[in-house]
Amino acid sequence: LTDPDPVLRATPIHAIGARWGFPRAAEFSR
């Protein structure tokens, strides 16, 4: 989320959460 890489900046937050084992966005956010 803090990486300046353009690809990561364009990746949806819920996709980043899923990439690291949080398939549900609400659970990741909490």
Full PDB file with SEQRES, HELIX, SHEET, SSBOND, CRYST1, ORIGX, SCALE, CONECT and MASTER records, all heavy atoms in Angstrom:
SEQRES   1 A   30  LEU THR ASP PRO ASP PRO VAL LEU ARG ALA THR PRO ILE          
SEQRES   2 A   30  HIS ALA ILE GLY ALA ARG TRP GLY PHE PRO ARG ALA ALA          
SEQRES   3 A   30  GLU PHE SER ARG                                              
HELIX    1 AA1 PRO A    6  ALA A   10  1                                   5    
HELIX    2 AA2 ILE A   13  ARG A   19  1                                   7    
HELIX    3 AA3 ALA A   25  SER A   29  1                                   5    
CRYST1    1.000    1.000    1.000  90.00  90.00  90.00 P 1           1          
ORIGX1      1.000000  0.000000  0.000000        0.00000                         
ORIGX2      0.000000  1.000000  0.000000        0.00000                         
ORIGX3      0.000000  0.000000  1.000000        0.00000                         
SCALE1      1.000000  0.000000  0.000000        0.00000                         
SCALE2      0.000000  1.000000  0.000000        0.00000                         
SCALE3      0.000000  0.000000  1.000000        0.00000                         
ATOM      1  N   LEU A   1       0.809  -1.219   0.000  1.00  0.00           N  
ATOM      2  CA  LEU A   1       0.000   0.000   0.000  1.00  0.00           C  
ATOM      3  C   LEU A   1       0.842   1.269   0.000  1.00  0.00           C  
ATOM      4  O   LEU A   1       0.385   2.326  -0.453  1.00  0.00           O  
ATOM      5  CB  LEU A   1      -0.923   0.008   1.227  1.00  0.00           C  
ATOM      6  CG  LEU A   1      -2.077  -0.995   1.194  1.00  0.00           C  
ATOM      7  CD1 LEU A   1      -2.708  -1.122   2.565  1.00  0.00           C  
ATOM      8  CD2 LEU A   1      -3.118  -0.584   0.161  1.00  0.00           C  
ATOM      9  N   THR A   2       2.048   1.196   0.501  1.00  0.00           N  
ATOM     10  CA  THR A   2       2.916   2.378   0.536  1.00  0.00           C  
ATOM     11  C   THR A   2       3.979   2.366  -0.551  1.00  0.00           C  
ATOM     12  O   THR A   2       4.795   3.283  -0.631  1.00  0.00           O  
ATOM     13  CB  THR A   2       3.603   2.492   1.912  1.00  0.00           C  
ATOM     14  OG1 THR A   2       4.343   1.295   2.175  1.00  0.00           O  
ATOM     15  CG2 THR A   2       2.586   2.701   3.016  1.00  0.00           C  
ATOM     16  N   ASP A   3       3.957   1.337  -1.388  1.00  0.00           N  
ATOM     17  CA  ASP A   3       4.938   1.240  -2.471  1.00  0.00           C  
ATOM     18  C   ASP A   3       4.570   2.216  -3.597  1.00  0.00           C  
ATOM     19  O   ASP A   3       3.429   2.242  -4.051  1.00  0.00           O  
ATOM     20  CB  ASP A   3       4.969  -0.191  -3.020  1.00  0.00           C  
ATOM     21  CG  ASP A   3       6.218  -0.463  -3.847  1.00  0.00           C  
ATOM     22  OD1 ASP A   3       6.507   0.330  -4.760  1.00  0.00           O  
ATOM     23  OD2 ASP A   3       6.888  -1.470  -3.567  1.00  0.00           O  
ATOM     24  N   PRO A   4       5.534   3.029  -4.066  1.00  0.00           N  
ATOM     25  CA  PRO A   4       5.230   3.996  -5.132  1.00  0.00           C  
ATOM     26  C   PRO A   4       5.110   3.376  -6.521  1.00  0.00           C  
ATOM     27  O   PRO A   4       4.780   4.080  -7.477  1.00  0.00           O  
ATOM     28  CB  PRO A   4       6.425   4.958  -5.069  1.00  0.00           C  
ATOM     29  CG  PRO A   4       7.547   4.126  -4.532  1.00  0.00           C  
ATOM     30  CD  PRO A   4       6.911   3.165  -3.560  1.00  0.00           C  
ATOM     31  N   ASP A   5       5.378   2.087  -6.647  1.00  0.00           N  
ATOM     32  CA  ASP A   5       5.283   1.450  -7.954  1.00  0.00           C  
ATOM     33  C   ASP A   5       3.901   1.679  -8.567  1.00  0.00           C  
ATOM     34  O   ASP A   5       2.879   1.424  -7.920  1.00  0.00           O  
ATOM     35  CB  ASP A   5       5.536  -0.053  -7.817  1.00  0.00           C  
ATOM     36  CG  ASP A   5       5.434  -0.766  -9.151  1.00  0.00           C  
ATOM     37  OD1 ASP A   5       6.420  -0.734  -9.906  1.00  0.00           O  
ATOM     38  OD2 ASP A   5       4.370  -1.336  -9.440  1.00  0.00           O  
ATOM     39  N   PRO A   6       3.825   2.168  -9.825  1.00  0.00           N  
ATOM     40  CA  PRO A   6       2.530   2.486 -10.452  1.00  0.00           C  
ATOM     41  C   PRO A   6       1.571   1.302 -10.515  1.00  0.00           C  
ATOM     42  O   PRO A   6       0.359   1.474 -10.375  1.00  0.00           O  
ATOM     43  CB  PRO A   6       2.930   2.952 -11.858  1.00  0.00           C  
ATOM     44  CG  PRO A   6       4.343   3.406 -11.727  1.00  0.00           C  
ATOM     45  CD  PRO A   6       4.960   2.529 -10.697  1.00  0.00           C  
ATOM     46  N   VAL A   7       2.113   0.113 -10.722  1.00  0.00           N  
ATOM     47  CA  VAL A   7       1.240  -1.060 -10.792  1.00  0.00           C  
ATOM     48  C   VAL A   7       0.562  -1.306  -9.453  1.00  0.00           C  
ATOM     49  O   VAL A   7      -0.646  -1.554  -9.373  1.00  0.00           O  
ATOM     50  CB  VAL A   7       2.042  -2.306 -11.238  1.00  0.00           C  
ATOM     51  CG1 VAL A   7       1.171  -3.559 -11.173  1.00  0.00           C  
ATOM     52  CG2 VAL A   7       2.580  -2.114 -12.653  1.00  0.00           C  
ATOM     53  N   LEU A   8       1.337  -1.217  -8.364  1.00  0.00           N  
ATOM     54  CA  LEU A   8       0.745  -1.415  -7.042  1.00  0.00           C  
ATOM     55  C   LEU A   8      -0.196  -0.275  -6.676  1.00  0.00           C  
ATOM     56  O   LEU A   8      -1.229  -0.497  -6.028  1.00  0.00           O  
ATOM     57  CB  LEU A   8       1.850  -1.549  -5.994  1.00  0.00           C  
ATOM     58  CG  LEU A   8       2.592  -2.889  -5.988  1.00  0.00           C  
ATOM     59  CD1 LEU A   8       3.775  -2.849  -5.034  1.00  0.00           C  
ATOM     60  CD2 LEU A   8       1.648  -4.027  -5.592  1.00  0.00           C  
ATOM     61  N   ARG A   9       0.141   0.934  -7.086  1.00  0.00           N  
ATOM     62  CA  ARG A   9      -0.745   2.070  -6.800  1.00  0.00           C  
ATOM     63  C   ARG A   9      -2.099   1.896  -7.463  1.00  0.00           C  
ATOM     64  O   ARG A   9      -3.120   2.366  -6.952  1.00  0.00           O  
ATOM     65  CB  ARG A   9      -0.102   3.379  -7.280  1.00  0.00           C  
ATOM     66  CG  ARG A   9       1.186   3.765  -6.589  1.00  0.00           C  
ATOM     67  CD  ARG A   9       0.974   4.226  -5.175  1.00  0.00           C  
ATOM     68  NE  ARG A   9       0.150   5.430  -5.090  1.00  0.00           N  
ATOM     69  CZ  ARG A   9      -0.384   5.896  -3.965  1.00  0.00           C  
ATOM     70  NH1 ARG A   9      -0.208   5.230  -2.843  1.00  0.00           N  
ATOM     71  NH2 ARG A   9      -1.109   6.991  -3.969  1.00  0.00           N  
ATOM     72  N   ALA A  10      -2.114   1.218  -8.619  1.00  0.00           N  
ATOM     73  CA  ALA A  10      -3.364   1.014  -9.354  1.00  0.00           C  
ATOM     74  C   ALA A  10      -4.108  -0.246  -8.925  1.00  0.00           C  
ATOM     75  O   ALA A  10      -5.240  -0.470  -9.354  1.00  0.00           O  
ATOM     76  CB  ALA A  10      -3.066   0.948 -10.855  1.00  0.00           C  
ATOM     77  N   THR A  11      -3.489  -1.055  -8.097  1.00  0.00           N  
ATOM     78  CA  THR A  11      -4.137  -2.293  -7.652  1.00  0.00           C  
ATOM     79  C   THR A  11      -5.186  -1.977  -6.598  1.00  0.00           C  
ATOM     80  O   THR A  11      -4.899  -1.286  -5.615  1.00  0.00           O  
ATOM     81  CB  THR A  11      -3.093  -3.252  -7.047  1.00  0.00           C  
ATOM     82  OG1 THR A  11      -2.100  -3.543  -8.020  1.00  0.00           O  
ATOM     83  CG2 THR A  11      -3.761  -4.553  -6.595  1.00  0.00           C  
ATOM     84  N   PRO A  12      -6.412  -2.449  -6.759  1.00  0.00           N  
ATOM     85  CA  PRO A  12      -7.460  -2.174  -5.758  1.00  0.00           C  
ATOM     86  C   PRO A  12      -7.042  -2.670  -4.374  1.00  0.00           C  
ATOM     87  O   PRO A  12      -6.355  -3.691  -4.240  1.00  0.00           O  
ATOM     88  CB  PRO A  12      -8.670  -2.956  -6.285  1.00  0.00           C  
ATOM     89  CG  PRO A  12      -8.423  -3.096  -7.754  1.00  0.00           C  
ATOM     90  CD  PRO A  12      -6.930  -3.213  -7.908  1.00  0.00           C  
ATOM     91  N   ILE A  13      -7.476  -1.944  -3.360  1.00  0.00           N  
ATOM     92  CA  ILE A  13      -7.089  -2.296  -1.991  1.00  0.00           C  
ATOM     93  C   ILE A  13      -7.570  -3.690  -1.626  1.00  0.00           C  
ATOM     94  O   ILE A  13      -6.845  -4.464  -0.986  1.00  0.00           O  
ATOM     95  CB  ILE A  13      -7.635  -1.245  -1.007  1.00  0.00           C  
ATOM     96  CG1 ILE A  13      -6.854   0.066  -1.181  1.00  0.00           C  
ATOM     97  CG2 ILE A  13      -7.536  -1.737   0.433  1.00  0.00           C  
ATOM     98  CD1 ILE A  13      -7.378   1.214  -0.346  1.00  0.00           C  
ATOM     99  N   HIS A  14      -8.778  -4.044  -2.050  1.00  0.00           N  
ATOM    100  CA  HIS A  14      -9.279  -5.375  -1.699  1.00  0.00           C  
ATOM    101  C   HIS A  14      -8.438  -6.467  -2.351  1.00  0.00           C  
ATOM    102  O   HIS A  14      -8.282  -7.572  -1.798  1.00  0.00           O  
ATOM    103  CB  HIS A  14     -10.749  -5.525  -2.099  1.00  0.00           C  
ATOM    104  CG  HIS A  14     -10.984  -5.563  -3.583  1.00  0.00           C  
ATOM    105  ND1 HIS A  14     -10.860  -6.719  -4.334  1.00  0.00           N  
ATOM    106  CD2 HIS A  14     -11.322  -4.577  -4.453  1.00  0.00           C  
ATOM    107  CE1 HIS A  14     -11.134  -6.439  -5.603  1.00  0.00           C  
ATOM    108  NE2 HIS A  14     -11.405  -5.158  -5.701  1.00  0.00           N  
ATOM    109  N   ALA A  15      -7.847  -6.172  -3.547  1.00  0.00           N  
ATOM    110  CA  ALA A  15      -6.987  -7.160  -4.215  1.00  0.00           C  
ATOM    111  C   ALA A  15      -5.674  -7.339  -3.456  1.00  0.00           C  
ATOM    112  O   ALA A  15      -5.137  -8.451  -3.384  1.00  0.00           O  
ATOM    113  CB  ALA A  15      -6.719  -6.734  -5.647  1.00  0.00           C  
ATOM    114  N   ILE A  16      -5.154  -6.255  -2.900  1.00  0.00           N  
ATOM    115  CA  ILE A  16      -3.942  -6.366  -2.087  1.00  0.00           C  
ATOM    116  C   ILE A  16      -4.218  -7.203  -0.841  1.00  0.00           C  
ATOM    117  O   ILE A  16      -3.423  -8.065  -0.444  1.00  0.00           O  
ATOM    118  CB  ILE A  16      -3.413  -4.969  -1.718  1.00  0.00           C  
ATOM    119  CG1 ILE A  16      -2.806  -4.301  -2.958  1.00  0.00           C  
ATOM    120  CG2 ILE A  16      -2.377  -5.053  -0.586  1.00  0.00           C  
ATOM    121  CD1 ILE A  16      -2.318  -2.896  -2.743  1.00  0.00           C  
ATOM    122  N   GLY A  17      -5.379  -6.959  -0.211  1.00  0.00           N  
ATOM    123  CA  GLY A  17      -5.740  -7.763   0.947  1.00  0.00           C  
ATOM    124  C   GLY A  17      -5.852  -9.234   0.599  1.00  0.00           C  
ATOM    125  O   GLY A  17      -5.343 -10.104   1.318  1.00  0.00           O  
ATOM    126  N   ALA A  18      -6.495  -9.537  -0.533  1.00  0.00           N  
ATOM    127  CA  ALA A  18      -6.659 -10.935  -0.955  1.00  0.00           C  
ATOM    128  C   ALA A  18      -5.317 -11.572  -1.267  1.00  0.00           C  
ATOM    129  O   ALA A  18      -5.101 -12.761  -0.992  1.00  0.00           O  
ATOM    130  CB  ALA A  18      -7.586 -10.994  -2.169  1.00  0.00           C  
ATOM    131  N   ARG A  19      -4.398 -10.801  -1.839  1.00  0.00           N  
ATOM    132  CA  ARG A  19      -3.072 -11.326  -2.176  1.00  0.00           C  
ATOM    133  C   ARG A  19      -2.360 -11.837  -0.934  1.00  0.00           C  
ATOM    134  O   ARG A  19      -1.605 -12.806  -1.004  1.00  0.00           O  
ATOM    135  CB  ARG A  19      -2.250 -10.218  -2.831  1.00  0.00           C  
ATOM    136  CG  ARG A  19      -0.785 -10.581  -3.048  1.00  0.00           C  
ATOM    137  CD  ARG A  19      -0.011  -9.399  -3.598  1.00  0.00           C  
ATOM    138  NE  ARG A  19      -0.501  -8.996  -4.903  1.00  0.00           N  
ATOM    139  CZ  ARG A  19      -0.184  -7.842  -5.500  1.00  0.00           C  
ATOM    140  NH1 ARG A  19       0.608  -6.974  -4.870  1.00  0.00           N  
ATOM    141  NH2 ARG A  19      -0.660  -7.537  -6.674  1.00  0.00           N  
ATOM    142  N   TRP A  20      -2.626 -11.196   0.193  1.00  0.00           N  
ATOM    143  CA  TRP A  20      -1.923 -11.568   1.417  1.00  0.00           C  
ATOM    144  C   TRP A  20      -2.809 -12.326   2.401  1.00  0.00           C  
ATOM    145  O   TRP A  20      -2.569 -12.305   3.604  1.00  0.00           O  
ATOM    146  CB  TRP A  20      -1.310 -10.322   2.069  1.00  0.00           C  
ATOM    147  CG  TRP A  20      -0.260  -9.720   1.209  1.00  0.00           C  
ATOM    148  CD1 TRP A  20      -0.289  -8.522   0.559  1.00  0.00           C  
ATOM    149  CD2 TRP A  20       0.988 -10.330   0.854  1.00  0.00           C  
ATOM    150  NE1 TRP A  20       0.855  -8.339  -0.173  1.00  0.00           N  
ATOM    151  CE2 TRP A  20       1.658  -9.430  -0.019  1.00  0.00           C  
ATOM    152  CE3 TRP A  20       1.597 -11.543   1.179  1.00  0.00           C  
ATOM    153  CZ2 TRP A  20       2.907  -9.713  -0.562  1.00  0.00           C  
ATOM    154  CZ3 TRP A  20       2.840 -11.828   0.639  1.00  0.00           C  
ATOM    155  CH2 TRP A  20       3.486 -10.913  -0.215  1.00  0.00           C  
ATOM    156  N   GLY A  21      -3.828 -13.002   1.873  1.00  0.00           N  
ATOM    157  CA  GLY A  21      -4.574 -13.941   2.715  1.00  0.00           C  
ATOM    158  C   GLY A  21      -5.820 -13.392   3.374  1.00  0.00           C  
ATOM    159  O   GLY A  21      -6.362 -14.035   4.284  1.00  0.00           O  
ATOM    160  N   PHE A  22      -6.299 -12.199   2.940  1.00  0.00           N  
ATOM    161  CA  PHE A  22      -7.544 -11.640   3.455  1.00  0.00           C  
ATOM    162  C   PHE A  22      -8.569 -11.599   2.316  1.00  0.00           C  
ATOM    163  O   PHE A  22      -8.712 -10.572   1.644  1.00  0.00           O  
ATOM    164  CB  PHE A  22      -7.330 -10.217   4.004  1.00  0.00           C  
ATOM    165  CG  PHE A  22      -6.466 -10.152   5.225  1.00  0.00           C  
ATOM    166  CD1 PHE A  22      -5.118  -9.848   5.124  1.00  0.00           C  
ATOM    167  CD2 PHE A  22      -7.003 -10.381   6.490  1.00  0.00           C  
ATOM    168  CE1 PHE A  22      -4.313  -9.781   6.253  1.00  0.00           C  
ATOM    169  CE2 PHE A  22      -6.203 -10.310   7.618  1.00  0.00           C  
ATOM    170  CZ  PHE A  22      -4.857 -10.010   7.504  1.00  0.00           C  
ATOM    171  N   PRO A  23      -9.286 -12.674   2.051  1.00  0.00           N  
ATOM    172  CA  PRO A  23     -10.202 -12.708   0.909  1.00  0.00           C  
ATOM    173  C   PRO A  23     -11.410 -11.786   1.069  1.00  0.00           C  
ATOM    174  O   PRO A  23     -12.036 -11.403   0.078  1.00  0.00           O  
ATOM    175  CB  PRO A  23     -10.640 -14.173   0.839  1.00  0.00           C  
ATOM    176  CG  PRO A  23     -10.434 -14.695   2.220  1.00  0.00           C  
ATOM    177  CD  PRO A  23      -9.265 -13.961   2.766  1.00  0.00           C  
ATOM    178  N   ARG A  24     -11.761 -11.404   2.315  1.00  0.00           N  
ATOM    179  CA  ARG A  24     -12.903 -10.518   2.544  1.00  0.00           C  
ATOM    180  C   ARG A  24     -12.406  -9.121   2.892  1.00  0.00           C  
ATOM    181  O   ARG A  24     -11.644  -8.927   3.851  1.00  0.00           O  
ATOM    182  CB  ARG A  24     -13.786 -11.075   3.663  1.00  0.00           C  
ATOM    183  CG  ARG A  24     -14.517 -12.357   3.244  1.00  0.00           C  
ATOM    184  CD  ARG A  24     -15.351 -12.925   4.389  1.00  0.00           C  
ATOM    185  NE  ARG A  24     -14.502 -13.480   5.434  1.00  0.00           N  
ATOM    186  CZ  ARG A  24     -13.964 -14.702   5.377  1.00  0.00           C  
ATOM    187  NH1 ARG A  24     -14.191 -15.478   4.325  1.00  0.00           N  
ATOM    188  NH2 ARG A  24     -13.220 -15.141   6.367  1.00  0.00           N  
ATOM    189  N   ALA A  25     -12.847  -8.147   2.104  1.00  0.00           N  
ATOM    190  CA  ALA A  25     -12.359  -6.774   2.242  1.00  0.00           C  
ATOM    191  C   ALA A  25     -12.639  -6.197   3.621  1.00  0.00           C  
ATOM    192  O   ALA A  25     -11.798  -5.502   4.211  1.00  0.00           O  
ATOM    193  CB  ALA A  25     -12.988  -5.887   1.164  1.00  0.00           C  
ATOM    194  N   ALA A  26     -13.812  -6.481   4.175  1.00  0.00           N  
ATOM    195  CA  ALA A  26     -14.153  -5.915   5.481  1.00  0.00           C  
ATOM    196  C   ALA A  26     -13.234  -6.462   6.567  1.00  0.00           C  
ATOM    197  O   ALA A  26     -12.788  -5.721   7.456  1.00  0.00           O  
ATOM    198  CB  ALA A  26     -15.615  -6.225   5.810  1.00  0.00           C  
ATOM    199  N   GLU A  27     -12.934  -7.739   6.492  1.00  0.00           N  
ATOM    200  CA  GLU A  27     -12.024  -8.349   7.470  1.00  0.00           C  
ATOM    201  C   GLU A  27     -10.632  -7.736   7.361  1.00  0.00           C  
ATOM    202  O   GLU A  27      -9.971  -7.453   8.377  1.00  0.00           O  
ATOM    203  CB  GLU A  27     -11.951  -9.857   7.232  1.00  0.00           C  
ATOM    204  CG  GLU A  27     -10.984 -10.573   8.152  1.00  0.00           C  
ATOM    205  CD  GLU A  27     -10.777 -12.026   7.762  1.00  0.00           C  
ATOM    206  OE1 GLU A  27     -11.498 -12.511   6.864  1.00  0.00           O  
ATOM    207  OE2 GLU A  27      -9.873 -12.658   8.339  1.00  0.00           O  
ATOM    208  N   PHE A  28     -10.168  -7.521   6.128  1.00  0.00           N  
ATOM    209  CA  PHE A  28      -8.855  -6.914   5.914  1.00  0.00           C  
ATOM    210  C   PHE A  28      -8.818  -5.514   6.503  1.00  0.00           C  
ATOM    211  O   PHE A  28      -7.877  -5.140   7.219  1.00  0.00           O  
ATOM    212  CB  PHE A  28      -8.548  -6.878   4.420  1.00  0.00           C  
ATOM    213  CG  PHE A  28      -7.295  -6.119   4.062  1.00  0.00           C  
ATOM    214  CD1 PHE A  28      -6.095  -6.380   4.705  1.00  0.00           C  
ATOM    215  CD2 PHE A  28      -7.326  -5.132   3.082  1.00  0.00           C  
ATOM    216  CE1 PHE A  28      -4.937  -5.680   4.381  1.00  0.00           C  
ATOM    217  CE2 PHE A  28      -6.176  -4.435   2.754  1.00  0.00           C  
ATOM    218  CZ  PHE A  28      -4.983  -4.703   3.401  1.00  0.00           C  
ATOM    219  N   SER A  29      -9.858  -4.728   6.236  1.00  0.00           N  
ATOM    220  CA  SER A  29      -9.882  -3.350   6.719  1.00  0.00           C  
ATOM    221  C   SER A  29      -9.874  -3.297   8.240  1.00  0.00           C  
ATOM    222  O   SER A  29      -9.150  -2.497   8.844  1.00  0.00           O  
ATOM    223  CB  SER A  29     -11.121  -2.637   6.173  1.00  0.00           C  
ATOM    224  OG  SER A  29     -11.121  -1.280   6.570  1.00  0.00           O  
ATOM    225  N   ARG A  30     -10.664  -4.172   8.881  1.00  0.00           N  
ATOM    226  CA  ARG A  30     -10.700  -4.178  10.354  1.00  0.00           C  
ATOM    227  C   ARG A  30      -9.347  -4.560  10.942  1.00  0.00           C  
ATOM    228  O   ARG A  30      -8.848  -3.920  11.871  1.00  0.00           O  
ATOM    229  CB  ARG A  30     -11.777  -5.155  10.838  1.00  0.00           C  
ATOM    230  CG  ARG A  30     -13.196  -4.648  10.736  1.00  0.00           C  
ATOM    231  CD  ARG A  30     -14.122  -5.503  11.597  1.00  0.00           C  
ATOM    232  NE  ARG A  30     -14.069  -6.910  11.204  1.00  0.00           N  
ATOM    233  CZ  ARG A  30     -14.830  -7.459  10.273  1.00  0.00           C  
ATOM    234  NH1 ARG A  30     -15.715  -6.701   9.616  1.00  0.00           N  
ATOM    235  NH2 ARG A  30     -14.737  -8.744   9.999  1.00  0.00           N  
TER     236      ARG A  30                                                      
MASTER        0    0    0    3    0    0    0    6  235    1    0    3          
END                                                                             
